[in-house]
Amino acid sequence: MKAGAPVAPVLTGGALVTVGLACAVCVANAYYGQPLLADIARGLGLSPRLAGLAPTMTQAGIALGMEFLLPLGDRIDNRVLVTTLLKVQALALVLMAQSTDAPVYLGAALLAGTCGIVTYLLPAYATRLVSPDRRGSVTGALGAGIMLGITLGRSMAGIAGQALGWRGVYAAAAVATLLVALVLQRVMPRTPALVVASYRSLLASLATLARTVPLLRRATVLLALSFGLFNALWIGLALRLQQPPFGLDTRRIGLLALLAVSSVVAAPLVGRLADRGGMRLALRGATVITLAGWIALVAGGETYTGVVLAMLLCGTGATASDVVLRSAIYGHAPEQRMRMNAVYSTGTFIGGSVFSLITPLGLGQLGWYAVVVGGIAVASLLLALSWRALPGRDRPAPKSELRSGLS
C-alpha cells in the first residue's frame, strides 16, 4: 500500500452482528400485518376479500423504494441513508398504529414499505467491506437475519396481537426501529467506493443495467416468482388457519409459525456453498424444495403436519434462492452494486405485491385448493427457469454483459 493511501474500512464481527439484527428488525416491520390481517381489516372497516390490500401496500412501497431510493446507495454514505430511512419508518409505524380509517393506514403502510429497503441495502453495503471470498457467507449470514426477522415478525405479531392488539404491535415496532437507527449511527463504518453521479443518471442507469445484463434479468424474474410464492403461502395460511378444520386465533397462528424459524439455518449453509462455486446446484436444490413445500399441502393441507412441512420447505427454498441469486449479482461490478440490487429487488417486490393481492382474492373466490394448485404451477415454472439461470461453476459473466450500464 502506498504511504498516505486511505485505509479501506472493515466490517468487524460485532458490527456485522448489529447489521444482521437491523435487517431482522426492519424486515419484520413488513410482515407484522400478515397474521393480523383479519383483525386489521375489521379495525379499518375493510371486507375480508380486500384484506390483502394491507400487505400489498407495504410490498408496493418497498418496490418504490428499491426503484427510487436504493440507487442512492452508490452515491450517499450508507450510514446516513440507512439511519434516515429507519427514523422515517418509525414515524410511519406510529401512524399505522394510530390509524382509524383505511386510507390513512394504507398510506402509512406504503411509506413504511418505501423505507423498508434498509433490509436490502445493508447486505450489499456489507459485501463492500469484506473480501470477495467471504461475499457468499456474509450474504448468507445476513440472509439468515432477514429470514429470522420475517419468521419471528409473523410469529410475535400473532402472539402479541392477542394481548396488545394490532395497534400495540405497530407501536412496539416503531420503538424498536428507532432504537436500531440510533445504534447503527454509532457502529456503521463509512461506505467505500462511492460514485460521483447525479440522481437522474443513477436512475437512468437502471434501465441500461436491466437491458444489458442477462444475469440480472434472469435473477430478477426468478426471485419475483420465489418471493411471490413465499408471500402467497403465508398470506393464504394466515387466512386459511382461521377457518375449519383449524379455527386458530392470531396467537395460535403465531405460535405455529415459530416452528418455521428453523428454516433460517439454510442461509449460512447456502452462502458457504456459493463461496465454493456451487451456485447452480444450490439454486436448483432451492427451487425443488419450494415445489416440494407446495406439494406437501396437497397431501396434508388439512393437517398441522402438512402445514408445518410447507412452512419449513417454502421458507428454506425462498431463503436459499435469494442468497444464491444475490451472491451472483453482487459478484459483478462492485461500484454498481446498489443499482444492480435496485433492479433485482424492485422485481422481487413487484412479485410480492401481486401475489399478496391475488391470494386472498383467489382464496375467497375459488377456495384453498385452487391457491395450492396455483402455487404448484408457479413453483414448477420456477424450477424450469432455474435450470439454466446461472453461469457455470461461479463463472463471471462475460464483459459484454457489463458494458454500457456499468460506467
Protein backbone atom coordinates (compact mmCIF):
# COMPACT_ATOMS: atom_id res chain seq x y z
CA MET A 1 0.00 0.00 0.00
CA LYS A 2 1.30 3.44 -0.84
CA ALA A 3 2.18 5.76 2.02
CA GLY A 4 -0.69 8.05 2.79
CA ALA A 5 -3.23 5.91 0.91
CA PRO A 6 -6.63 5.76 2.59
CA VAL A 7 -7.32 2.62 4.55
CA ALA A 8 -10.50 0.86 3.45
CA PRO A 9 -12.99 0.44 6.30
CA VAL A 10 -13.60 -3.10 7.51
CA LEU A 11 -16.82 -4.50 8.91
CA THR A 12 -15.94 -6.08 12.26
CA GLY A 13 -17.69 -9.14 13.63
CA GLY A 14 -19.60 -7.05 16.16
CA ALA A 15 -20.74 -4.59 13.51
CA LEU A 16 -21.84 -7.46 11.27
CA VAL A 17 -24.00 -8.87 14.07
CA THR A 18 -25.56 -5.44 14.58
CA VAL A 19 -26.23 -5.08 10.85
CA GLY A 20 -27.85 -8.53 10.87
CA LEU A 21 -30.05 -7.52 13.80
CA ALA A 22 -31.04 -4.35 11.95
CA CYS A 23 -32.00 -6.42 8.91
CA ALA A 24 -34.21 -8.59 11.12
CA VAL A 25 -35.94 -5.68 12.86
CA CYS A 26 -36.55 -3.73 9.66
CA VAL A 27 -37.85 -6.65 7.59
CA ALA A 28 -40.16 -7.74 10.42
CA ASN A 29 -41.96 -4.41 10.08
CA ALA A 30 -43.22 -5.50 6.66
CA TYR A 31 -44.66 -8.78 7.97
CA TYR A 32 -46.34 -7.96 11.28
CA GLY A 33 -49.61 -7.43 9.47
CA GLN A 34 -49.86 -10.86 7.85
CA PRO A 35 -51.07 -12.90 10.87
CA LEU A 36 -53.18 -9.90 11.92
CA LEU A 37 -54.89 -9.42 8.56
CA ALA A 38 -58.39 -10.26 9.77
CA ASP A 39 -58.07 -8.03 12.86
CA ILE A 40 -56.67 -5.10 10.84
CA ALA A 41 -59.41 -5.44 8.23
CA ARG A 42 -62.09 -5.38 10.92
CA GLY A 43 -60.47 -2.41 12.65
CA LEU A 44 -60.33 -0.41 9.43
CA GLY A 45 -63.69 -1.49 8.04
CA LEU A 46 -62.25 -3.49 5.13
CA SER A 47 -64.01 -6.56 3.76
CA PRO A 48 -62.13 -9.89 4.10
CA ARG A 49 -61.57 -10.03 0.33
CA LEU A 50 -59.78 -6.68 0.46
CA ALA A 51 -57.64 -7.63 3.46
CA GLY A 52 -54.74 -8.27 1.08
CA LEU A 53 -54.52 -4.51 0.42
CA ALA A 54 -52.63 -4.03 3.70
CA PRO A 55 -49.58 -6.21 2.88
CA THR A 56 -49.86 -5.23 -0.79
CA MET A 57 -49.29 -1.55 0.03
CA THR A 58 -46.25 -2.44 2.12
CA GLN A 59 -44.79 -4.57 -0.68
CA ALA A 60 -45.58 -1.88 -3.25
CA GLY A 61 -43.82 0.67 -1.05
CA ILE A 62 -40.71 -1.49 -0.91
CA ALA A 63 -40.76 -1.78 -4.71
CA LEU A 64 -40.95 2.03 -4.98
CA GLY A 65 -38.08 2.41 -2.54
CA MET A 66 -35.99 -0.08 -4.50
CA GLU A 67 -36.58 1.85 -7.70
CA PHE A 68 -36.16 5.42 -6.48
CA LEU A 69 -34.11 5.31 -3.26
CA LEU A 70 -31.84 2.27 -3.33
CA PRO A 71 -29.69 3.59 -6.24
CA LEU A 72 -28.63 6.41 -3.91
CA GLY A 73 -26.63 3.78 -2.00
CA ASP A 74 -23.94 4.04 -4.71
CA ARG A 75 -23.67 7.79 -4.11
CA ILE A 76 -24.55 8.60 -0.47
CA ASP A 77 -22.81 7.28 2.63
CA ASN A 78 -24.94 4.28 3.57
CA ARG A 79 -24.86 5.10 7.28
CA VAL A 80 -26.65 8.40 6.62
CA LEU A 81 -29.11 6.80 4.20
CA VAL A 82 -29.93 3.82 6.44
CA THR A 83 -30.43 5.75 9.67
CA THR A 84 -32.60 8.40 7.98
CA LEU A 85 -34.84 5.77 6.42
CA LEU A 86 -35.23 3.92 9.72
CA LYS A 87 -36.31 7.09 11.52
CA VAL A 88 -38.92 7.84 8.87
CA GLN A 89 -40.11 4.23 9.01
CA ALA A 90 -40.56 4.51 12.78
CA LEU A 91 -42.79 7.54 12.19
CA ALA A 92 -44.82 5.61 9.59
CA LEU A 93 -45.32 2.76 12.05
CA VAL A 94 -46.68 5.23 14.61
CA LEU A 95 -49.18 6.45 12.01
CA MET A 96 -50.23 2.86 11.29
CA ALA A 97 -50.76 2.23 15.00
CA GLN A 98 -52.97 5.31 15.35
CA SER A 99 -54.96 4.95 12.11
CA THR A 100 -58.72 4.70 12.43
CA ASP A 101 -59.58 4.50 8.73
CA ALA A 102 -58.22 2.54 5.80
CA PRO A 103 -56.76 5.37 3.63
CA VAL A 104 -54.51 6.66 6.43
CA TYR A 105 -53.34 3.16 7.34
CA LEU A 106 -52.66 2.18 3.74
CA GLY A 107 -50.78 5.42 3.06
CA ALA A 108 -48.63 4.89 6.15
CA ALA A 109 -48.05 1.25 5.12
CA LEU A 110 -46.84 2.48 1.73
CA LEU A 111 -44.40 4.88 3.44
CA ALA A 112 -43.18 2.21 5.86
CA GLY A 113 -42.58 -0.15 2.95
CA THR A 114 -40.70 2.51 0.99
CA CYS A 115 -38.31 2.93 3.92
CA GLY A 116 -38.07 -0.85 4.30
CA ILE A 117 -35.36 -1.01 1.64
CA VAL A 118 -32.89 -0.82 4.55
CA THR A 119 -33.14 -4.61 4.78
CA TYR A 120 -31.95 -4.93 1.19
CA LEU A 121 -29.45 -2.08 1.27
CA LEU A 122 -27.48 -3.43 4.23
CA PRO A 123 -26.38 -6.79 2.68
CA ALA A 124 -24.99 -5.01 -0.39
CA TYR A 125 -23.30 -2.48 1.90
CA ALA A 126 -21.75 -5.26 4.00
CA THR A 127 -20.28 -7.02 0.97
CA ARG A 128 -18.35 -3.84 0.14
CA LEU A 129 -16.50 -4.20 3.44
CA VAL A 130 -15.41 -7.86 3.27
CA SER A 131 -13.10 -9.80 0.98
CA PRO A 132 -14.59 -11.40 -2.17
CA ASP A 133 -14.10 -14.91 -0.81
CA ARG A 134 -16.43 -14.08 2.10
CA ARG A 135 -19.15 -12.47 -0.01
CA GLY A 136 -21.38 -15.54 -0.07
CA SER A 137 -21.01 -16.34 3.61
CA VAL A 138 -21.76 -12.74 4.65
CA THR A 139 -24.75 -12.63 2.31
CA GLY A 140 -25.92 -15.91 3.82
CA ALA A 141 -25.46 -14.68 7.39
CA LEU A 142 -27.48 -11.54 6.71
CA GLY A 143 -29.99 -13.64 4.78
CA ALA A 144 -30.47 -15.66 7.95
CA GLY A 145 -31.12 -12.42 9.83
CA ILE A 146 -33.70 -11.40 7.24
CA MET A 147 -35.46 -14.76 7.35
CA LEU A 148 -35.37 -14.70 11.15
CA GLY A 149 -36.97 -11.26 11.11
CA ILE A 150 -39.69 -12.38 8.70
CA THR A 151 -40.49 -15.54 10.63
CA LEU A 152 -40.30 -14.06 14.12
CA GLY A 153 -42.13 -10.95 12.93
CA ARG A 154 -45.09 -13.05 11.87
CA SER A 155 -44.93 -15.21 14.98
CA MET A 156 -44.51 -12.47 17.54
CA ALA A 157 -47.16 -10.32 15.87
CA GLY A 158 -49.64 -13.17 16.15
CA ILE A 159 -48.76 -13.80 19.79
CA ALA A 160 -48.51 -10.15 20.87
CA GLY A 161 -51.53 -9.18 18.80
CA GLN A 162 -53.73 -11.33 21.01
CA ALA A 163 -52.59 -9.43 24.11
CA LEU A 164 -51.84 -5.93 22.79
CA GLY A 165 -53.98 -5.70 19.69
CA TRP A 166 -52.61 -4.92 16.26
CA ARG A 167 -52.11 -1.26 17.16
CA GLY A 168 -49.90 -2.22 20.09
CA VAL A 169 -47.77 -4.40 17.81
CA TYR A 170 -47.06 -1.49 15.47
CA ALA A 171 -46.34 0.89 18.35
CA ALA A 172 -43.75 -1.53 19.76
CA ALA A 173 -42.24 -1.94 16.28
CA ALA A 174 -41.82 1.83 15.99
CA VAL A 175 -39.81 1.95 19.23
CA ALA A 176 -37.59 -0.97 18.16
CA THR A 177 -36.94 0.61 14.76
CA LEU A 178 -35.90 3.95 16.27
CA LEU A 179 -33.52 2.22 18.70
CA VAL A 180 -31.88 0.32 15.84
CA ALA A 181 -31.37 3.57 13.92
CA LEU A 182 -29.59 5.16 16.90
CA VAL A 183 -27.29 2.13 17.34
CA LEU A 184 -26.38 1.98 13.64
CA GLN A 185 -25.34 5.64 13.72
CA ARG A 186 -22.52 4.57 16.03
CA VAL A 187 -21.36 1.26 14.54
CA MET A 188 -21.61 1.51 10.73
CA PRO A 189 -18.27 2.28 9.02
CA ARG A 190 -18.22 4.78 6.18
CA THR A 191 -19.10 3.46 2.74
CA PRO A 192 -16.14 2.92 0.38
CA ALA A 193 -16.04 3.39 -3.41
CA LEU A 194 -18.99 5.77 -3.73
CA VAL A 195 -19.55 7.26 -7.18
CA VAL A 196 -19.97 10.87 -8.20
CA ALA A 197 -23.12 10.94 -10.31
CA SER A 198 -26.37 12.83 -10.48
CA TYR A 199 -29.56 11.27 -9.17
CA ARG A 200 -31.00 11.42 -12.68
CA SER A 201 -28.09 9.48 -14.16
CA LEU A 202 -28.32 6.89 -11.39
CA LEU A 203 -31.99 6.25 -12.20
CA ALA A 204 -31.30 6.20 -15.95
CA SER A 205 -28.63 3.55 -15.49
CA LEU A 206 -31.19 1.11 -14.01
CA ALA A 207 -32.88 0.59 -17.36
CA THR A 208 -29.48 0.16 -19.02
CA LEU A 209 -28.49 -2.46 -16.47
CA ALA A 210 -31.74 -4.38 -16.94
CA ARG A 211 -31.25 -4.30 -20.70
CA THR A 212 -27.57 -5.21 -20.89
CA VAL A 213 -27.02 -7.73 -18.05
CA PRO A 214 -28.81 -11.02 -18.79
CA LEU A 215 -27.84 -12.49 -15.41
CA LEU A 216 -29.58 -9.61 -13.67
CA ARG A 217 -32.76 -10.08 -15.70
CA ARG A 218 -32.88 -13.81 -15.01
CA ALA A 219 -32.21 -13.38 -11.29
CA THR A 220 -34.92 -10.71 -11.02
CA VAL A 221 -37.58 -12.89 -12.65
CA LEU A 222 -36.64 -15.92 -10.57
CA LEU A 223 -36.82 -14.17 -7.24
CA ALA A 224 -40.02 -12.32 -8.18
CA LEU A 225 -41.63 -15.76 -8.56
CA SER A 226 -39.91 -17.22 -5.48
CA PHE A 227 -40.78 -14.32 -3.21
CA GLY A 228 -44.29 -14.16 -4.62
CA LEU A 229 -44.82 -17.81 -3.74
CA PHE A 230 -43.44 -17.20 -0.26
CA ASN A 231 -45.94 -14.37 0.30
CA ALA A 232 -48.79 -16.39 -1.18
CA LEU A 233 -48.14 -19.25 1.22
CA TRP A 234 -48.05 -17.14 4.36
CA ILE A 235 -50.95 -14.86 3.48
CA GLY A 236 -53.02 -17.85 2.40
CA LEU A 237 -52.22 -19.73 5.60
CA ALA A 238 -52.91 -16.69 7.80
CA LEU A 239 -56.47 -16.70 6.43
CA ARG A 240 -56.88 -20.46 6.00
CA LEU A 241 -55.85 -21.36 9.56
CA GLN A 242 -58.70 -19.28 10.94
CA GLN A 243 -61.18 -21.47 9.06
CA PRO A 244 -62.31 -25.08 9.78
CA PRO A 245 -60.84 -27.57 10.50
CA PHE A 246 -58.22 -25.42 12.26
CA GLY A 247 -60.10 -22.43 13.68
CA LEU A 248 -56.99 -20.78 15.14
CA ASP A 249 -56.81 -17.28 16.57
CA THR A 250 -53.87 -14.96 15.82
CA ARG A 251 -51.92 -16.06 18.92
CA ARG A 252 -52.05 -19.72 17.94
CA ILE A 253 -51.15 -18.91 14.35
CA GLY A 254 -48.13 -17.03 15.67
CA LEU A 255 -47.08 -19.96 17.84
CA LEU A 256 -47.42 -22.32 14.88
CA ALA A 257 -45.32 -20.02 12.72
CA LEU A 258 -42.48 -20.22 15.27
CA LEU A 259 -41.81 -23.74 14.01
CA ALA A 260 -40.68 -22.24 10.69
CA VAL A 261 -37.77 -20.41 12.38
CA SER A 262 -35.57 -23.46 11.79
CA SER A 263 -35.55 -22.69 8.06
CA VAL A 264 -33.11 -19.82 8.71
CA VAL A 265 -30.24 -22.30 9.10
CA ALA A 266 -30.30 -22.75 5.32
CA ALA A 267 -28.96 -19.27 4.60
CA PRO A 268 -25.40 -19.57 6.04
CA LEU A 269 -25.01 -23.07 4.56
CA VAL A 270 -26.06 -21.89 1.11
CA GLY A 271 -23.78 -18.86 1.41
CA ARG A 272 -20.75 -21.06 2.07
CA LEU A 273 -21.73 -23.30 -0.84
CA ALA A 274 -21.92 -20.23 -3.09
CA ASP A 275 -18.42 -19.15 -1.99
CA ARG A 276 -17.15 -22.57 -3.10
CA GLY A 277 -18.66 -22.21 -6.56
CA GLY A 278 -21.77 -24.33 -6.13
CA MET A 279 -24.34 -21.70 -7.11
CA ARG A 280 -26.08 -23.65 -9.86
CA LEU A 281 -26.56 -26.72 -7.68
CA ALA A 282 -27.77 -24.64 -4.74
CA LEU A 283 -30.30 -22.75 -6.87
CA ARG A 284 -31.74 -25.91 -8.39
CA GLY A 285 -32.00 -27.51 -4.98
CA ALA A 286 -33.76 -24.43 -3.60
CA THR A 287 -36.44 -24.49 -6.30
CA VAL A 288 -37.02 -28.22 -5.81
CA ILE A 289 -37.52 -27.61 -2.08
CA THR A 290 -40.03 -24.82 -2.81
CA LEU A 291 -42.02 -27.08 -5.13
CA ALA A 292 -41.98 -29.84 -2.51
CA GLY A 293 -43.42 -27.42 0.04
CA TRP A 294 -46.45 -26.68 -2.12
CA ILE A 295 -46.92 -30.35 -2.95
CA ALA A 296 -46.99 -31.09 0.80
CA LEU A 297 -50.19 -29.05 1.00
CA VAL A 298 -51.92 -31.37 -1.46
CA ALA A 299 -51.44 -34.42 0.73
CA GLY A 300 -51.55 -32.73 4.13
CA GLY A 301 -53.25 -29.38 3.68
CA GLU A 302 -55.92 -30.27 6.23
CA THR A 303 -53.38 -31.33 8.88
CA TYR A 304 -50.86 -29.48 11.02
CA THR A 305 -48.13 -31.78 9.75
CA GLY A 306 -48.71 -30.72 6.15
CA VAL A 307 -48.95 -27.03 7.05
CA VAL A 308 -45.73 -27.01 9.11
CA LEU A 309 -43.87 -29.00 6.45
CA ALA A 310 -44.96 -26.48 3.82
CA MET A 311 -43.78 -23.60 6.03
CA LEU A 312 -40.37 -25.18 6.54
CA LEU A 313 -39.80 -26.20 2.93
CA CYS A 314 -41.03 -22.98 1.33
CA GLY A 315 -39.10 -20.86 3.84
CA THR A 316 -35.91 -22.81 3.17
CA GLY A 317 -36.39 -22.66 -0.60
CA ALA A 318 -37.07 -18.92 -0.66
CA THR A 319 -34.10 -18.13 1.60
CA ALA A 320 -31.69 -20.30 -0.38
CA SER A 321 -32.82 -18.86 -3.72
CA ASP A 322 -32.30 -15.30 -2.52
CA VAL A 323 -28.85 -15.97 -1.06
CA VAL A 324 -27.63 -17.64 -4.26
CA LEU A 325 -29.03 -15.03 -6.62
CA ARG A 326 -27.79 -12.09 -4.55
CA SER A 327 -24.31 -13.64 -4.30
CA ALA A 328 -24.28 -13.98 -8.08
CA ILE A 329 -25.20 -10.38 -8.83
CA TYR A 330 -23.01 -8.95 -6.03
CA GLY A 331 -20.05 -10.59 -7.76
CA HIS A 332 -20.23 -8.19 -10.70
CA ALA A 333 -19.27 -4.52 -10.88
CA PRO A 334 -18.97 -3.66 -7.16
CA GLU A 335 -19.22 0.07 -7.86
CA GLN A 336 -22.73 -0.54 -9.26
CA ARG A 337 -23.85 -2.98 -6.58
CA MET A 338 -26.71 -0.88 -5.23
CA ARG A 339 -28.12 -0.26 -8.68
CA MET A 340 -27.90 -3.94 -9.56
CA ASN A 341 -29.62 -4.61 -6.24
CA ALA A 342 -32.28 -1.98 -7.05
CA VAL A 343 -33.28 -3.69 -10.30
CA TYR A 344 -33.23 -7.12 -8.70
CA SER A 345 -35.20 -6.14 -5.61
CA THR A 346 -37.75 -3.99 -7.44
CA GLY A 347 -38.78 -7.02 -9.46
CA THR A 348 -38.82 -9.09 -6.29
CA PHE A 349 -41.31 -6.86 -4.54
CA ILE A 350 -43.45 -6.36 -7.60
CA GLY A 351 -43.85 -10.13 -7.50
CA GLY A 352 -44.54 -9.98 -3.76
CA SER A 353 -47.19 -7.28 -4.23
CA VAL A 354 -49.00 -9.15 -6.99
CA PHE A 355 -49.12 -12.43 -5.08
CA SER A 356 -50.15 -10.62 -1.86
CA LEU A 357 -53.14 -9.13 -3.67
CA ILE A 358 -54.34 -12.14 -5.65
CA THR A 359 -54.00 -14.77 -2.90
CA PRO A 360 -56.91 -13.55 -0.71
CA LEU A 361 -58.99 -12.98 -3.84
CA GLY A 362 -58.28 -16.50 -5.08
CA LEU A 363 -58.98 -17.98 -1.69
CA GLY A 364 -62.30 -16.18 -1.45
CA GLN A 365 -63.46 -16.91 -5.00
CA LEU A 366 -62.05 -20.37 -5.73
CA GLY A 367 -61.11 -21.90 -2.39
CA TRP A 368 -57.94 -23.09 -0.70
CA TYR A 369 -57.01 -25.88 -3.08
CA ALA A 370 -57.16 -23.54 -6.06
CA VAL A 371 -54.49 -21.48 -4.30
CA VAL A 372 -52.43 -24.64 -3.72
CA VAL A 373 -52.70 -25.76 -7.35
CA GLY A 374 -51.70 -22.29 -8.47
CA GLY A 375 -48.69 -22.41 -6.15
CA ILE A 376 -47.59 -25.75 -7.57
CA ALA A 377 -47.90 -24.42 -11.12
CA VAL A 378 -45.77 -21.34 -10.38
CA ALA A 379 -43.22 -23.41 -8.43
CA SER A 380 -42.91 -25.77 -11.41
CA LEU A 381 -42.27 -22.80 -13.69
CA LEU A 382 -39.66 -21.54 -11.23
CA LEU A 383 -37.88 -24.89 -11.32
CA ALA A 384 -37.83 -24.93 -15.12
CA LEU A 385 -36.43 -21.39 -15.34
CA SER A 386 -33.78 -22.01 -12.68
CA TRP A 387 -32.16 -24.85 -14.59
CA ARG A 388 -30.06 -22.57 -16.80
CA ALA A 389 -30.35 -19.30 -14.88
CA LEU A 390 -26.74 -19.06 -13.69
CA PRO A 391 -23.38 -19.47 -15.46
CA GLY A 392 -21.21 -22.47 -14.71
CA ARG A 393 -19.17 -23.01 -11.58
CA ASP A 394 -19.00 -19.45 -10.23
CA ARG A 395 -18.00 -18.27 -13.69
CA PRO A 396 -18.25 -14.48 -14.01
CA ALA A 397 -20.49 -13.04 -16.67
CA PRO A 398 -18.83 -12.03 -19.93
CA LYS A 399 -17.60 -8.44 -20.07
CA SER A 400 -20.13 -7.82 -22.83
CA GLU A 401 -22.85 -8.25 -20.21
CA LEU A 402 -21.40 -5.41 -18.18
CA ARG A 403 -20.73 -2.85 -20.86
CA SER A 404 -22.74 0.36 -21.09
CA GLY A 405 -24.77 0.03 -17.91
CA LEU A 406 -21.78 -0.13 -15.61
CA SER A 407 -19.92 3.02 -16.35
